[in-house]
N, C-alpha and C. Protein backbone atom coordinates (compact mmCIF):
# COMPACT_ATOMS: atom_id res chain seq x y z
N MET A 1 51.98 -0.83 10.00
CA MET A 1 51.25 -1.06 11.22
C MET A 1 49.77 -1.26 10.86
N LYS A 2 49.17 -2.33 11.36
CA LYS A 2 47.77 -2.63 11.09
C LYS A 2 46.87 -1.90 12.09
N PRO A 3 45.73 -1.43 11.60
CA PRO A 3 44.82 -0.77 12.53
C PRO A 3 44.21 -1.79 13.49
N THR A 4 44.07 -1.42 14.74
CA THR A 4 43.52 -2.33 15.75
C THR A 4 42.00 -2.37 15.72
N ASN A 5 41.39 -1.31 15.33
CA ASN A 5 39.93 -1.24 15.29
C ASN A 5 39.48 -1.29 13.81
N PRO A 6 38.62 -2.27 13.46
CA PRO A 6 38.17 -2.37 12.05
C PRO A 6 37.42 -1.13 11.59
N HIS A 7 36.87 -0.38 12.48
CA HIS A 7 36.14 0.84 12.11
C HIS A 7 37.10 1.96 11.67
N ASP A 8 38.37 1.82 11.97
CA ASP A 8 39.36 2.82 11.60
C ASP A 8 39.90 2.56 10.19
N MET A 9 39.54 1.46 9.58
CA MET A 9 40.05 1.13 8.22
C MET A 9 39.32 1.96 7.18
N THR A 10 40.05 2.38 6.19
CA THR A 10 39.45 3.12 5.09
C THR A 10 38.84 2.15 4.09
N PRO A 11 37.92 2.61 3.28
CA PRO A 11 37.33 1.73 2.24
C PRO A 11 38.39 1.20 1.28
N GLU A 12 39.42 2.00 1.01
CA GLU A 12 40.51 1.52 0.12
C GLU A 12 41.25 0.36 0.76
N ALA A 13 41.51 0.43 2.06
CA ALA A 13 42.23 -0.62 2.74
C ALA A 13 41.38 -1.91 2.76
N ILE A 14 40.08 -1.76 2.99
CA ILE A 14 39.20 -2.94 2.95
C ILE A 14 39.21 -3.55 1.57
N ALA A 15 39.10 -2.74 0.52
CA ALA A 15 39.12 -3.23 -0.87
C ALA A 15 40.44 -3.96 -1.14
N GLY A 16 41.55 -3.44 -0.67
CA GLY A 16 42.83 -4.08 -0.86
C GLY A 16 42.89 -5.45 -0.19
N LEU A 17 42.36 -5.52 1.04
CA LEU A 17 42.34 -6.82 1.74
C LEU A 17 41.47 -7.84 1.02
N LEU A 18 40.33 -7.39 0.52
CA LEU A 18 39.45 -8.29 -0.20
C LEU A 18 40.10 -8.76 -1.51
N THR A 19 40.77 -7.88 -2.20
CA THR A 19 41.46 -8.26 -3.44
C THR A 19 42.52 -9.29 -3.15
N ARG A 20 43.34 -9.10 -2.15
CA ARG A 20 44.37 -10.06 -1.79
C ARG A 20 43.74 -11.39 -1.36
N ALA A 21 42.60 -11.36 -0.67
CA ALA A 21 41.96 -12.59 -0.24
C ALA A 21 41.41 -13.36 -1.44
N THR A 22 40.86 -12.65 -2.45
CA THR A 22 40.32 -13.36 -3.62
C THR A 22 41.44 -13.94 -4.45
N GLU A 23 42.63 -13.38 -4.42
CA GLU A 23 43.73 -13.94 -5.17
C GLU A 23 44.17 -15.30 -4.59
N GLN A 24 43.83 -15.56 -3.36
CA GLN A 24 44.24 -16.80 -2.68
C GLN A 24 43.20 -17.92 -2.86
N LEU A 25 42.04 -17.62 -3.49
CA LEU A 25 40.99 -18.63 -3.70
C LEU A 25 41.37 -19.53 -4.86
N ASP A 26 40.97 -20.83 -4.77
CA ASP A 26 41.26 -21.73 -5.87
C ASP A 26 40.25 -21.51 -6.97
N ASP A 27 40.51 -22.07 -8.14
CA ASP A 27 39.66 -21.86 -9.33
C ASP A 27 38.25 -22.40 -9.15
N ASP A 28 38.07 -23.53 -8.45
CA ASP A 28 36.75 -24.10 -8.25
C ASP A 28 35.87 -23.16 -7.40
N THR A 29 36.45 -22.58 -6.35
CA THR A 29 35.72 -21.67 -5.49
C THR A 29 35.33 -20.41 -6.26
N VAL A 30 36.26 -19.88 -7.04
CA VAL A 30 35.97 -18.69 -7.87
C VAL A 30 34.85 -18.99 -8.87
N ALA A 31 34.87 -20.16 -9.49
CA ALA A 31 33.85 -20.53 -10.45
C ALA A 31 32.48 -20.67 -9.78
N ALA A 32 32.47 -21.30 -8.58
CA ALA A 32 31.21 -21.46 -7.84
C ALA A 32 30.66 -20.10 -7.40
N LEU A 33 31.52 -19.19 -6.98
CA LEU A 33 31.08 -17.84 -6.57
C LEU A 33 30.54 -17.09 -7.81
N ARG A 34 31.22 -17.20 -8.92
CA ARG A 34 30.75 -16.52 -10.16
C ARG A 34 29.39 -17.06 -10.59
N LEU A 35 29.21 -18.39 -10.50
CA LEU A 35 27.92 -18.99 -10.87
C LEU A 35 26.82 -18.53 -9.91
N ALA A 36 27.12 -18.51 -8.63
CA ALA A 36 26.13 -18.05 -7.66
C ALA A 36 25.74 -16.60 -7.90
N ARG A 37 26.71 -15.75 -8.21
CA ARG A 37 26.46 -14.35 -8.50
C ARG A 37 25.57 -14.20 -9.73
N ASN A 38 25.88 -14.95 -10.80
CA ASN A 38 25.09 -14.88 -12.03
C ASN A 38 23.65 -15.34 -11.80
N LEU A 39 23.47 -16.44 -11.02
CA LEU A 39 22.12 -16.89 -10.73
C LEU A 39 21.35 -15.88 -9.91
N ALA A 40 22.01 -15.26 -8.96
CA ALA A 40 21.36 -14.22 -8.15
C ALA A 40 20.96 -13.04 -8.97
N LEU A 41 21.80 -12.64 -9.92
CA LEU A 41 21.44 -11.51 -10.80
C LEU A 41 20.30 -11.86 -11.74
N GLU A 42 20.22 -13.11 -12.20
CA GLU A 42 19.11 -13.51 -13.06
C GLU A 42 17.79 -13.53 -12.32
N ARG A 43 17.83 -13.92 -11.05
CA ARG A 43 16.60 -14.00 -10.23
C ARG A 43 16.16 -12.65 -9.73
N GLN A 44 17.04 -11.69 -9.74
CA GLN A 44 16.72 -10.36 -9.22
C GLN A 44 15.61 -9.76 -10.06
N ALA A 45 14.63 -9.16 -9.42
CA ALA A 45 13.51 -8.53 -10.14
C ALA A 45 14.02 -7.32 -10.92
N LEU A 46 13.60 -7.29 -12.17
CA LEU A 46 14.02 -6.16 -13.02
C LEU A 46 13.23 -4.94 -12.61
N ASN A 47 13.87 -3.81 -12.65
CA ASN A 47 13.17 -2.55 -12.36
C ASN A 47 12.27 -2.23 -13.53
N GLN A 48 10.99 -2.08 -13.23
CA GLN A 48 10.03 -1.73 -14.28
C GLN A 48 9.50 -0.32 -13.96
N PRO A 49 9.17 0.44 -14.99
CA PRO A 49 8.67 1.77 -14.71
C PRO A 49 7.34 1.69 -13.97
N VAL A 50 7.16 2.57 -13.06
CA VAL A 50 5.96 2.60 -12.21
C VAL A 50 5.10 3.76 -12.64
N PHE A 51 3.80 3.50 -12.86
CA PHE A 51 2.88 4.56 -13.20
C PHE A 51 2.46 5.29 -11.93
N ALA A 52 2.64 6.57 -11.89
CA ALA A 52 2.26 7.34 -10.71
C ALA A 52 1.78 8.74 -11.20
N LEU A 53 0.81 9.23 -10.47
CA LEU A 53 0.34 10.60 -10.78
C LEU A 53 1.32 11.57 -10.13
N ASN A 54 1.70 12.56 -10.87
CA ASN A 54 2.64 13.54 -10.39
C ASN A 54 2.05 14.94 -10.53
N THR A 55 1.90 15.64 -9.43
CA THR A 55 1.35 16.98 -9.47
C THR A 55 2.44 18.01 -9.73
N GLY A 56 3.66 17.58 -9.75
CA GLY A 56 4.74 18.50 -9.96
C GLY A 56 5.25 19.14 -8.68
N HIS A 57 4.63 18.79 -7.57
CA HIS A 57 5.03 19.35 -6.30
C HIS A 57 5.57 18.32 -5.33
N GLY A 58 6.00 17.20 -5.86
CA GLY A 58 6.59 16.18 -5.00
C GLY A 58 5.57 15.25 -4.34
N ILE A 59 4.31 15.36 -4.68
CA ILE A 59 3.30 14.48 -4.12
C ILE A 59 3.00 13.41 -5.14
N HIS A 60 3.13 12.15 -4.74
CA HIS A 60 2.86 11.03 -5.66
C HIS A 60 1.67 10.24 -5.08
N TRP A 61 0.65 10.06 -5.89
CA TRP A 61 -0.52 9.31 -5.46
C TRP A 61 -0.34 7.89 -5.94
N PRO A 62 -0.46 6.91 -5.01
CA PRO A 62 -0.33 5.54 -5.44
C PRO A 62 -1.52 5.11 -6.28
N THR A 63 -1.26 4.52 -7.40
CA THR A 63 -2.32 4.03 -8.28
C THR A 63 -2.06 2.57 -8.57
N PRO A 64 -3.13 1.79 -8.82
CA PRO A 64 -2.92 0.39 -9.14
C PRO A 64 -2.20 0.23 -10.48
N HIS A 65 -1.54 -0.88 -10.64
CA HIS A 65 -0.74 -1.09 -11.83
C HIS A 65 -1.29 -2.20 -12.72
N THR A 66 -1.90 -3.23 -12.16
CA THR A 66 -2.35 -4.35 -12.95
C THR A 66 -3.85 -4.26 -13.18
N THR A 67 -4.33 -5.09 -14.10
CA THR A 67 -5.78 -5.14 -14.38
C THR A 67 -6.54 -5.57 -13.13
N HIS A 68 -5.98 -6.52 -12.39
CA HIS A 68 -6.68 -6.99 -11.18
C HIS A 68 -6.79 -5.86 -10.15
N GLN A 69 -5.74 -5.07 -10.05
CA GLN A 69 -5.77 -3.97 -9.08
C GLN A 69 -6.78 -2.89 -9.54
N TRP A 70 -6.86 -2.65 -10.84
CA TRP A 70 -7.80 -1.67 -11.35
C TRP A 70 -9.24 -2.16 -11.06
N MET A 71 -9.47 -3.47 -11.29
CA MET A 71 -10.78 -4.03 -11.02
C MET A 71 -11.12 -3.94 -9.53
N ALA A 72 -10.17 -4.24 -8.69
CA ALA A 72 -10.38 -4.17 -7.24
C ALA A 72 -10.72 -2.74 -6.83
N MET A 73 -10.04 -1.77 -7.40
CA MET A 73 -10.34 -0.36 -7.09
C MET A 73 -11.75 0.00 -7.57
N ALA A 74 -12.12 -0.47 -8.75
CA ALA A 74 -13.48 -0.20 -9.27
C ALA A 74 -14.55 -0.79 -8.40
N VAL A 75 -14.36 -2.05 -7.98
CA VAL A 75 -15.31 -2.69 -7.10
C VAL A 75 -15.41 -1.96 -5.77
N LEU A 76 -14.26 -1.56 -5.22
CA LEU A 76 -14.26 -0.83 -3.94
C LEU A 76 -15.02 0.49 -4.09
N LEU A 77 -14.80 1.19 -5.19
CA LEU A 77 -15.48 2.45 -5.42
C LEU A 77 -16.98 2.24 -5.55
N ILE A 78 -17.40 1.19 -6.26
CA ILE A 78 -18.82 0.91 -6.44
C ILE A 78 -19.46 0.53 -5.11
N VAL A 79 -18.78 -0.25 -4.27
CA VAL A 79 -19.29 -0.64 -2.96
C VAL A 79 -19.44 0.59 -2.07
N MET A 80 -18.42 1.45 -2.08
CA MET A 80 -18.50 2.68 -1.28
C MET A 80 -19.62 3.59 -1.74
N LEU A 81 -19.79 3.71 -3.03
CA LEU A 81 -20.88 4.56 -3.59
C LEU A 81 -22.23 3.97 -3.21
N ALA A 82 -22.39 2.64 -3.35
CA ALA A 82 -23.66 2.02 -3.01
C ALA A 82 -23.93 2.16 -1.51
N GLY A 83 -22.92 2.02 -0.69
CA GLY A 83 -23.09 2.19 0.76
C GLY A 83 -23.50 3.62 1.11
N GLY A 84 -22.91 4.59 0.47
CA GLY A 84 -23.27 5.98 0.72
C GLY A 84 -24.71 6.29 0.27
N ILE A 85 -25.11 5.77 -0.87
CA ILE A 85 -26.46 5.99 -1.32
C ILE A 85 -27.46 5.30 -0.40
N SER A 86 -27.13 4.10 0.01
CA SER A 86 -28.02 3.36 0.95
C SER A 86 -28.17 4.11 2.26
N TYR A 87 -27.05 4.61 2.78
CA TYR A 87 -27.08 5.36 4.04
C TYR A 87 -27.94 6.63 3.86
N TRP A 88 -27.73 7.35 2.77
CA TRP A 88 -28.51 8.57 2.54
C TRP A 88 -29.99 8.23 2.41
N HIS A 89 -30.31 7.16 1.67
CA HIS A 89 -31.73 6.77 1.51
C HIS A 89 -32.35 6.42 2.84
N HIS A 90 -31.65 5.67 3.67
CA HIS A 90 -32.19 5.26 4.99
C HIS A 90 -32.36 6.51 5.86
N ALA A 91 -31.41 7.42 5.88
CA ALA A 91 -31.56 8.65 6.66
C ALA A 91 -32.72 9.48 6.15
N HIS A 92 -32.91 9.54 4.88
CA HIS A 92 -34.00 10.31 4.28
C HIS A 92 -35.36 9.69 4.65
N GLU A 93 -35.42 8.36 4.62
CA GLU A 93 -36.65 7.64 4.99
C GLU A 93 -36.98 7.92 6.43
N GLN A 94 -35.99 7.87 7.33
CA GLN A 94 -36.26 8.11 8.75
C GLN A 94 -36.74 9.53 8.97
N GLU A 95 -36.13 10.46 8.25
CA GLU A 95 -36.56 11.86 8.36
C GLU A 95 -38.01 12.03 7.89
N THR A 96 -38.35 11.38 6.79
CA THR A 96 -39.69 11.47 6.24
C THR A 96 -40.69 10.81 7.21
N SER A 97 -40.36 9.67 7.78
CA SER A 97 -41.29 8.99 8.67
C SER A 97 -41.49 9.83 9.97
N HIS A 98 -40.46 10.46 10.46
CA HIS A 98 -40.63 11.32 11.65
C HIS A 98 -41.50 12.52 11.31
N LEU A 99 -41.34 13.04 10.12
CA LEU A 99 -42.21 14.17 9.69
C LEU A 99 -43.64 13.72 9.54
N ASP A 100 -43.87 12.53 8.98
CA ASP A 100 -45.25 12.00 8.85
C ASP A 100 -45.88 11.81 10.22
N ILE A 101 -45.10 11.26 11.16
CA ILE A 101 -45.65 11.04 12.50
C ILE A 101 -45.99 12.36 13.16
N ALA A 102 -45.13 13.35 13.00
CA ALA A 102 -45.38 14.65 13.60
C ALA A 102 -46.66 15.28 13.03
N ILE A 103 -46.85 15.15 11.74
CA ILE A 103 -48.04 15.72 11.10
C ILE A 103 -49.26 14.97 11.58
N LEU A 104 -49.21 13.67 11.64
CA LEU A 104 -50.35 12.89 12.04
C LEU A 104 -50.73 13.10 13.52
N THR A 105 -49.76 13.16 14.37
CA THR A 105 -50.05 13.29 15.80
C THR A 105 -50.54 14.67 16.15
N ASP A 106 -50.20 15.69 15.40
CA ASP A 106 -50.67 17.05 15.71
C ASP A 106 -52.17 17.16 15.44
N ASP A 107 -52.70 16.41 14.52
CA ASP A 107 -54.10 16.51 14.18
C ASP A 107 -55.03 15.72 15.11
N LEU A 108 -54.48 14.77 15.83
CA LEU A 108 -55.31 13.93 16.67
C LEU A 108 -55.35 14.46 18.09
N PRO A 109 -56.48 14.37 18.75
CA PRO A 109 -56.55 14.81 20.15
C PRO A 109 -55.76 13.88 21.07
N MET A 110 -55.29 14.41 22.17
CA MET A 110 -54.44 13.68 23.10
C MET A 110 -55.20 12.49 23.74
N GLU A 111 -56.50 12.57 23.88
CA GLU A 111 -57.26 11.53 24.52
C GLU A 111 -57.16 10.18 23.79
N ILE A 112 -56.91 10.24 22.50
CA ILE A 112 -56.80 9.03 21.72
C ILE A 112 -55.59 8.20 22.16
N PHE A 113 -54.55 8.85 22.62
CA PHE A 113 -53.32 8.16 23.00
C PHE A 113 -53.34 7.66 24.45
N ILE A 114 -54.31 8.12 25.25
CA ILE A 114 -54.40 7.69 26.65
C ILE A 114 -55.28 6.45 26.76
N ASP A 115 -54.76 5.45 27.44
CA ASP A 115 -55.46 4.20 27.60
C ASP A 115 -56.29 4.27 28.87
N ARG A 116 -57.60 4.06 28.78
CA ARG A 116 -58.45 4.09 29.98
C ARG A 116 -58.89 2.76 30.38
């Protein structure tokens, strides 16, 4: 008795049906399928080891792998560092100029600032 629902079939039953179906294929079809499989396997990307930092606690930090990626990370780091220094310098200049203005205005009488 054949199962009416394909979801009720066991993996063994499916494998048996596939085996019987492949036995009915002609030699040209089998050769074409074998060639297609071999070409697909050749084009498949080989698994290469990936460099990753491991803390031993299951946390993996993504790191660049190629020279171009290392260079991009270095440029990004330099740009971020330069931006931070520039921001700090600008903030320090503003703070200094406000301090200079406060010192200068305290020494001058208020009448100087009033327009008559």
